[in-house]
Protein backbone atom coordinates (compact mmCIF):
# COMPACT_ATOMS: atom_id res chain seq x y z
CA MET A 1 12.12 8.30 -57.93
CA GLU A 2 15.42 9.93 -57.05
CA LYS A 3 16.28 10.51 -53.42
CA GLY A 4 16.24 14.28 -53.76
CA SER A 5 12.73 14.38 -55.19
CA PHE A 6 11.52 11.89 -52.53
CA ASP A 7 12.85 14.12 -49.76
CA ALA A 8 11.11 17.11 -51.31
CA SER A 9 7.79 15.22 -51.47
CA LEU A 10 8.17 14.14 -47.86
CA ALA A 11 8.81 17.73 -46.83
CA LYS A 12 5.53 18.80 -48.50
CA VAL A 13 3.59 16.03 -46.77
CA SER A 14 5.04 16.96 -43.36
CA ARG A 15 3.49 20.38 -43.71
CA TYR A 16 0.04 18.83 -43.45
CA LEU A 17 0.57 15.71 -41.38
CA GLU A 18 1.96 15.35 -37.88
CA VAL A 19 3.28 11.82 -37.52
CA HIS A 20 3.65 10.22 -34.08
CA PRO A 21 5.27 6.87 -33.31
CA ARG A 22 2.75 4.17 -32.42
CA PRO A 23 2.89 3.41 -28.69
CA LEU A 24 3.40 -0.15 -27.54
CA VAL A 25 0.47 -1.80 -25.85
CA GLY A 26 1.05 -2.15 -22.13
CA CYS A 27 4.05 0.21 -22.09
CA ASP A 28 4.46 3.72 -20.75
CA ILE A 29 6.66 5.89 -22.95
CA ASP A 30 8.01 9.05 -21.37
CA ASP A 31 11.21 11.06 -21.20
CA GLY A 32 12.82 8.57 -18.86
CA VAL A 33 12.05 5.41 -20.87
CA SER A 34 14.88 3.03 -21.68
CA PHE A 35 15.48 1.56 -25.16
CA ASP A 36 16.78 -1.80 -26.26
CA GLY A 37 19.63 -2.40 -28.67
CA GLU A 38 17.45 -1.96 -31.75
CA GLY A 39 16.10 1.43 -30.70
CA ALA A 40 12.70 0.14 -29.55
CA PRO A 41 11.31 1.30 -26.22
CA ALA A 42 11.62 -1.29 -23.46
CA CYS A 43 8.42 -2.20 -21.61
CA ARG A 44 8.22 -1.63 -17.88
CA GLU A 45 6.32 -4.03 -15.68
CA LYS A 46 2.81 -2.73 -15.13
CA ASN A 47 2.28 -1.49 -11.58
CA VAL A 48 -1.29 -0.76 -10.53
CA VAL A 49 -2.68 0.67 -7.30
CA ALA A 50 -6.46 0.26 -7.16
CA LEU A 51 -8.49 2.98 -5.44
CA ILE A 52 -11.88 1.75 -4.19
CA GLU A 53 -14.06 4.86 -4.02
CA SER A 54 -17.79 4.87 -4.75
CA ARG A 55 -17.83 8.65 -5.11
CA LYS A 56 -16.58 9.01 -8.68
CA LEU A 57 -15.46 12.64 -8.50
CA LEU A 58 -13.41 12.13 -5.33
CA GLY A 59 -11.87 8.98 -6.77
CA GLN A 60 -10.81 10.74 -9.96
CA CYS A 61 -9.38 13.69 -8.01
CA LEU A 62 -7.38 11.37 -5.76
CA SER A 63 -6.10 9.39 -8.73
CA LEU A 64 -4.92 12.53 -10.56
CA ALA A 65 -3.33 13.96 -7.43
CA LEU A 66 -1.38 10.75 -6.74
CA TYR A 67 -0.23 10.48 -10.35
CA SER A 68 1.06 14.05 -10.20
CA VAL A 69 3.60 12.99 -7.54
CA ASP A 70 4.19 9.38 -8.65
CA ARG A 71 4.41 8.87 -12.42
CA THR A 72 5.72 5.32 -12.12
CA THR A 73 2.41 3.93 -10.86
CA GLU A 74 -0.99 3.57 -12.50
CA PHE A 75 -3.81 4.62 -10.18
CA LYS A 76 -7.12 3.08 -11.22
CA VAL A 77 -10.46 3.96 -9.59
CA TYR A 78 -13.21 1.39 -8.98
CA GLY A 79 -16.57 1.75 -7.29
CA SER A 80 -16.23 -1.53 -5.38
CA ILE A 81 -14.04 -4.57 -4.83
CA SER A 82 -16.33 -6.51 -7.20
CA ASP A 83 -15.70 -4.00 -10.00
CA TRP A 84 -11.95 -4.25 -9.45
CA ARG A 85 -11.93 -8.05 -9.22
CA ILE A 86 -13.45 -8.55 -12.67
CA SER A 87 -11.24 -5.91 -14.30
CA GLU A 88 -8.13 -6.60 -16.37
CA ASP A 89 -6.04 -4.80 -13.73
CA ALA A 90 -6.77 -7.32 -10.97
CA SER A 91 -3.80 -9.53 -11.87
CA SER A 92 -1.30 -6.65 -11.89
CA THR A 93 -2.53 -4.79 -8.79
CA SER A 94 0.12 -4.47 -6.08
CA LEU A 95 -1.98 -2.55 -3.54
CA ILE A 96 -5.63 -1.65 -2.90
CA ILE A 97 -6.71 1.54 -1.12
CA ILE A 98 -10.26 1.40 0.26
CA SER A 99 -11.71 4.85 0.87
CA VAL A 100 -14.12 5.07 3.81
CA PRO A 101 -16.36 8.17 4.06
CA ASP A 102 -16.87 9.84 7.44
CA LYS A 103 -20.44 8.66 7.97
CA SER A 104 -20.36 6.14 10.79
CA ASP A 105 -18.78 5.38 14.13
CA ASP A 106 -18.08 1.82 13.03
CA ILE A 107 -15.75 1.60 10.07
CA GLY A 108 -17.14 -1.82 9.19
CA ASP A 109 -20.65 -0.40 8.62
CA VAL A 110 -19.68 2.29 6.11
CA LEU A 111 -20.78 1.35 2.56
CA ASP A 112 -20.81 -2.31 3.60
CA ILE A 113 -17.03 -2.31 4.11
CA LYS A 114 -17.10 -5.63 5.94
CA LYS A 115 -18.67 -7.27 2.90
CA GLU A 116 -16.05 -5.71 0.63
CA LEU A 117 -13.21 -6.93 2.85
CA ALA A 118 -14.72 -10.41 3.08
CA GLU A 119 -14.87 -10.60 -0.72
CA LEU A 120 -11.28 -9.41 -1.02
CA ASN A 121 -9.99 -11.92 1.55
CA LEU A 122 -11.94 -14.73 -0.14
CA HIS A 123 -10.90 -14.15 -3.74
CA LYS A 124 -7.61 -12.21 -3.49
CA PRO A 125 -6.15 -12.87 -0.01
CA SER A 126 -2.57 -12.19 -1.16
CA VAL A 127 -3.24 -8.60 -2.26
CA ARG A 128 -2.20 -6.01 0.30
CA PHE A 129 -4.72 -3.30 1.17
CA ALA A 130 -5.05 -0.19 3.31
CA ILE A 131 -7.88 1.99 4.58
CA LEU A 132 -8.12 5.69 3.68
CA SER A 133 -10.33 7.50 6.20
CA ASP A 134 -11.22 10.88 7.69
CA ARG A 135 -11.23 9.36 11.19
CA GLU A 136 -8.07 8.88 13.28
CA ALA A 137 -9.53 7.61 16.56
CA PRO A 138 -7.67 4.52 17.85
CA LYS A 139 -10.83 2.38 17.77
CA HIS A 140 -11.19 2.94 14.03
CA VAL A 141 -7.51 2.16 13.44
CA LEU A 142 -7.77 -1.05 15.47
CA SER A 143 -10.95 -2.06 13.65
CA ALA A 144 -9.21 -1.67 10.29
CA MET A 145 -6.12 -3.58 11.41
CA GLN A 146 -8.23 -6.42 12.79
CA SER A 147 -9.88 -6.71 9.39
CA GLY A 148 -6.48 -7.50 7.86
CA ALA A 149 -5.41 -4.08 6.55
CA GLN A 150 -1.69 -3.37 6.22
CA GLY A 151 -2.16 0.34 6.70
CA TYR A 152 -4.49 3.07 7.89
CA ILE A 153 -4.07 6.37 6.03
CA PRO A 154 -5.73 9.53 7.39
CA THR A 155 -6.93 12.20 4.97
CA SER A 156 -5.31 14.89 7.13
CA ILE A 157 -1.88 14.32 5.54
CA SER A 158 -0.57 15.65 2.23
CA ILE A 159 -0.69 13.84 -1.10
CA GLU A 160 3.12 13.70 -1.18
CA VAL A 161 3.19 11.86 2.15
CA ILE A 162 0.44 9.49 1.03
CA ALA A 163 2.46 8.59 -2.07
CA GLN A 164 5.43 7.68 0.15
CA ILE A 165 3.18 5.61 2.41
CA LEU A 166 1.91 3.67 -0.62
CA HIS A 167 5.50 2.82 -1.58
CA LEU A 168 6.12 1.59 1.97
CA LEU A 169 3.00 -0.59 1.93
CA ARG A 170 3.76 -2.06 -1.49
CA PHE A 171 7.17 -3.22 -0.35
CA GLY A 172 5.94 -5.00 2.78
CA GLY A 173 5.83 -2.21 5.36
CA THR A 174 2.94 -1.07 7.54
CA PHE A 175 1.59 2.34 8.50
CA VAL A 176 -0.75 3.80 11.12
CA PRO A 177 -1.09 7.46 12.25
CA ALA A 178 1.48 8.41 14.87
CA ASN A 179 -1.05 10.32 16.98
CA SER A 180 -3.25 7.21 17.20
CA LEU A 181 -0.27 5.21 18.43
CA MET A 182 0.52 7.86 21.04
CA ILE A 183 -3.04 7.71 22.36
CA MET A 184 -2.87 3.92 22.51
CA ALA A 185 0.47 4.04 24.26
CA GLY A 186 -1.10 6.08 27.07
CA THR A 187 -4.02 3.68 27.47
CA PRO A 188 -3.70 0.51 29.58
CA SER A 189 -4.11 -2.61 27.44
CA ALA A 190 -4.65 -6.30 27.97
CA VAL A 191 -1.10 -6.94 26.87
CA GLU A 192 0.35 -4.53 29.43
CA SER A 193 -1.84 -5.70 32.28
CA SER A 194 -0.95 -9.36 31.68
CA GLN A 195 2.80 -8.75 31.66
CA SER A 196 4.94 -7.36 34.46
CA GLY A 197 7.74 -6.46 32.05
CA ASP A 198 7.98 -5.36 28.44
CA GLY A 199 9.84 -8.41 27.19
CA GLN A 200 8.57 -11.23 29.39
CA ILE A 201 6.07 -12.35 26.76
CA PHE A 202 8.93 -13.16 24.39
CA THR A 203 11.11 -16.26 24.75
CA SER A 204 14.39 -14.80 23.48
CA GLN A 205 16.23 -11.54 23.00
CA ARG A 206 16.11 -12.04 19.24
CA GLN A 207 12.33 -12.36 19.31
CA LEU A 208 12.10 -9.20 21.39
CA MET A 209 14.29 -7.34 18.86
CA VAL A 210 12.09 -8.53 15.99
CA ALA A 211 8.99 -7.33 17.87
CA ARG A 212 10.55 -3.89 18.34
CA ALA A 213 11.37 -3.77 14.62
CA LEU A 214 7.79 -4.74 13.73
CA ARG A 215 6.62 -1.85 15.90
CA LYS A 216 8.39 0.48 13.46
CA GLY A 217 6.70 -1.16 10.45
CA ALA A 218 9.89 -2.66 9.01
CA PRO A 219 9.46 -5.44 6.39
CA ASN A 220 11.15 -8.84 6.85
CA LYS A 221 14.07 -8.07 4.53
CA VAL A 222 14.95 -4.91 6.45
CA ILE A 223 14.66 -6.68 9.82
CA ALA A 224 16.90 -9.50 8.59
CA TYR A 225 19.52 -6.99 7.43
CA GLN A 226 19.39 -4.89 10.61
CA LEU A 227 19.60 -7.89 12.97
CA ASN A 228 21.98 -9.94 10.80
CA MET A 229 19.50 -12.80 10.51
CA CYS A 230 18.17 -14.98 7.70
CA GLU A 231 14.86 -13.78 6.30
CA SER A 232 13.38 -17.24 6.92
CA THR A 233 14.32 -16.94 10.61
CA VAL A 234 12.62 -13.55 10.78
CA LYS A 235 9.45 -15.09 9.32
CA VAL A 236 9.43 -17.75 12.05
CA HIS A 237 9.82 -15.07 14.74
CA VAL A 238 7.02 -13.00 13.19
CA ARG A 239 4.65 -15.98 13.20
CA ASN A 240 5.46 -16.75 16.84
CA ILE A 241 5.04 -13.10 17.86
CA MET A 242 1.65 -12.89 16.12
CA LYS A 243 0.56 -16.06 17.91
CA LYS A 244 1.66 -14.79 21.33
CA LEU A 245 0.00 -11.41 20.88
CA LYS A 246 -3.07 -13.00 19.26
CA ALA A 247 -2.65 -10.60 16.34
CA LYS A 248 -4.16 -11.23 12.92
CA ASN A 249 -1.51 -9.38 10.94
CA ARG A 250 1.75 -7.42 11.17
CA THR A 251 0.03 -4.08 11.54
CA GLU A 252 -1.89 -5.26 14.58
CA VAL A 253 1.44 -6.48 15.99
CA ALA A 254 2.83 -2.97 15.46
CA LEU A 255 -0.11 -1.44 17.33
CA LEU A 256 0.23 -3.84 20.26
CA ALA A 257 4.02 -3.49 20.35
CA SER A 258 3.68 0.31 20.46
CA GLN A 259 1.77 -0.11 23.73
CA MET A 260 4.43 -2.45 25.12
CA PHE A 261 7.39 -0.27 24.06
CA PRO A 262 6.11 3.33 24.19
CA ASP A 263 9.61 4.75 24.72
CA ASP A 264 11.18 3.23 21.57
């Protein structure tokens, strides 16, 4: 068949068929995708944020809302930690958001949250997680932080702000509501009553500076850059600070430090 007649036949076929390129498995192809030297789309590393929400409609709404402001992340909804753990997304999940309905005074009693957190810490202790809740009282924030959460996200803020918070958490930062910190700062604590000065609990000026940086939720890399220190040195200071404050994680350190340095 001559080229001219082949082109004519192809033109007739195109009137009835709409041909789309076959997408690559595991890749997202959009207007901003990059291509390799042979014209094939380059795969991006899969980035999943798991939303644990037993109420299916609310979970789907939250997932769609987050995707509308952050197209680089896949937001997957699961009814429980168990459902997420056996899914194919478990290995590529960078952050878990556990939604807690406003049904109880004790955050650990809502939908058996304590059991969910115990399962997560047992099987996937390295995965970072945060609590999404209607409540902002300091006791609920502290309860979540003591369970090992890296963040406490109130539902009173906008979806755009939540998306930014998720980026912060994924890259090693921490987050708690500012109004909860302000209330805590005005309440006498065991740390304040046991120390006559803000920095006496710390053995060096460097350790004090790291503690103040942790109060702001800064990750180790940022602290190392700001204080001109090695990241390994920062890690040592963080471990010592957690031990002195009897804190279980960085977020609890931030809460305690906010009481010690309310004027920062």
